[in-house]
Amino acid sequence: MIDKLNIIKQRFDEVSDLIIQPDVISDQKRYVQLTKEYKDLKLLVEKRKTYLELKNNLEEA
């Protein structure tokens, strides 16, 4: 499960880098697609962060 979450985080980082590229910004269709993907991935990355924090708290207890 952690591996899948890490893959999602990696893709989120890639998309984050892509949406600030001038060539992507100039291609409106691609830009809209990537910003939607970014928004969807952001929610998952936030849940991943919460999961990892809770997991670490349980391991420390």
Protein backbone atom coordinates (compact mmCIF):
# COMPACT_ATOMS: atom_id res chain seq x y z
CA MET A 1 0.00 0.00 0.00
CA ILE A 2 2.82 2.39 0.85
CA ASP A 3 4.36 1.69 -2.56
CA LYS A 4 1.17 2.74 -4.34
CA LEU A 5 0.95 5.88 -2.24
CA ASN A 6 4.55 6.71 -3.07
CA ILE A 7 3.84 6.28 -6.79
CA ILE A 8 0.92 8.70 -6.45
CA LYS A 9 3.18 11.19 -4.66
CA GLN A 10 5.79 10.84 -7.38
CA ARG A 11 3.20 11.53 -10.09
CA PHE A 12 1.92 14.51 -8.10
CA ASP A 13 5.45 15.93 -8.03
CA GLU A 14 5.80 15.38 -11.78
CA VAL A 15 2.50 17.10 -12.53
CA SER A 16 3.45 19.95 -10.19
CA ASP A 17 6.59 20.52 -12.23
CA LEU A 18 4.78 20.19 -15.55
CA ILE A 19 2.06 22.75 -14.89
CA ILE A 20 4.61 25.52 -14.44
CA GLN A 21 6.37 24.82 -17.74
CA PRO A 22 5.77 27.54 -20.37
CA ASP A 23 5.09 25.03 -23.16
CA VAL A 24 2.41 23.34 -21.07
CA ILE A 25 0.83 26.65 -20.09
CA SER A 26 0.61 27.64 -23.74
CA ASP A 27 -1.19 24.37 -24.60
CA GLN A 28 -4.54 25.03 -22.95
CA LYS A 29 -5.92 21.53 -23.48
CA ARG A 30 -2.92 19.90 -21.82
CA TYR A 31 -2.79 22.53 -19.10
CA VAL A 32 -6.44 21.98 -18.16
CA GLN A 33 -5.91 18.22 -18.14
CA LEU A 34 -2.85 18.49 -15.90
CA THR A 35 -4.43 20.94 -13.49
CA LYS A 36 -7.39 18.59 -13.07
CA GLU A 37 -5.01 15.71 -12.44
CA TYR A 38 -3.08 17.90 -10.00
CA LYS A 39 -6.25 18.68 -8.07
CA ASP A 40 -7.23 15.00 -7.90
CA LEU A 41 -3.75 13.90 -6.87
CA LYS A 42 -3.45 16.64 -4.27
CA LEU A 43 -6.34 15.15 -2.32
CA LEU A 44 -4.70 11.72 -2.39
CA VAL A 45 -1.32 13.14 -1.37
CA GLU A 46 -2.92 14.90 1.59
CA LYS A 47 -4.58 11.63 2.64
CA ARG A 48 -1.22 9.87 2.22
CA LYS A 49 0.41 12.38 4.54
CA THR A 50 -2.30 11.87 7.17
CA TYR A 51 -2.00 8.10 6.87
CA LEU A 52 1.77 8.17 7.30
CA GLU A 53 1.51 10.48 10.32
CA LEU A 54 -1.05 8.21 11.97
CA LYS A 55 1.02 5.14 11.16
CA ASN A 56 4.11 6.73 12.72
CA ASN A 57 2.13 7.74 15.81
CA LEU A 58 0.94 4.16 16.26
CA GLU A 59 4.46 2.81 15.87
CA GLU A 60 5.77 5.25 18.49
CA ALA A 61 3.03 4.38 21.00
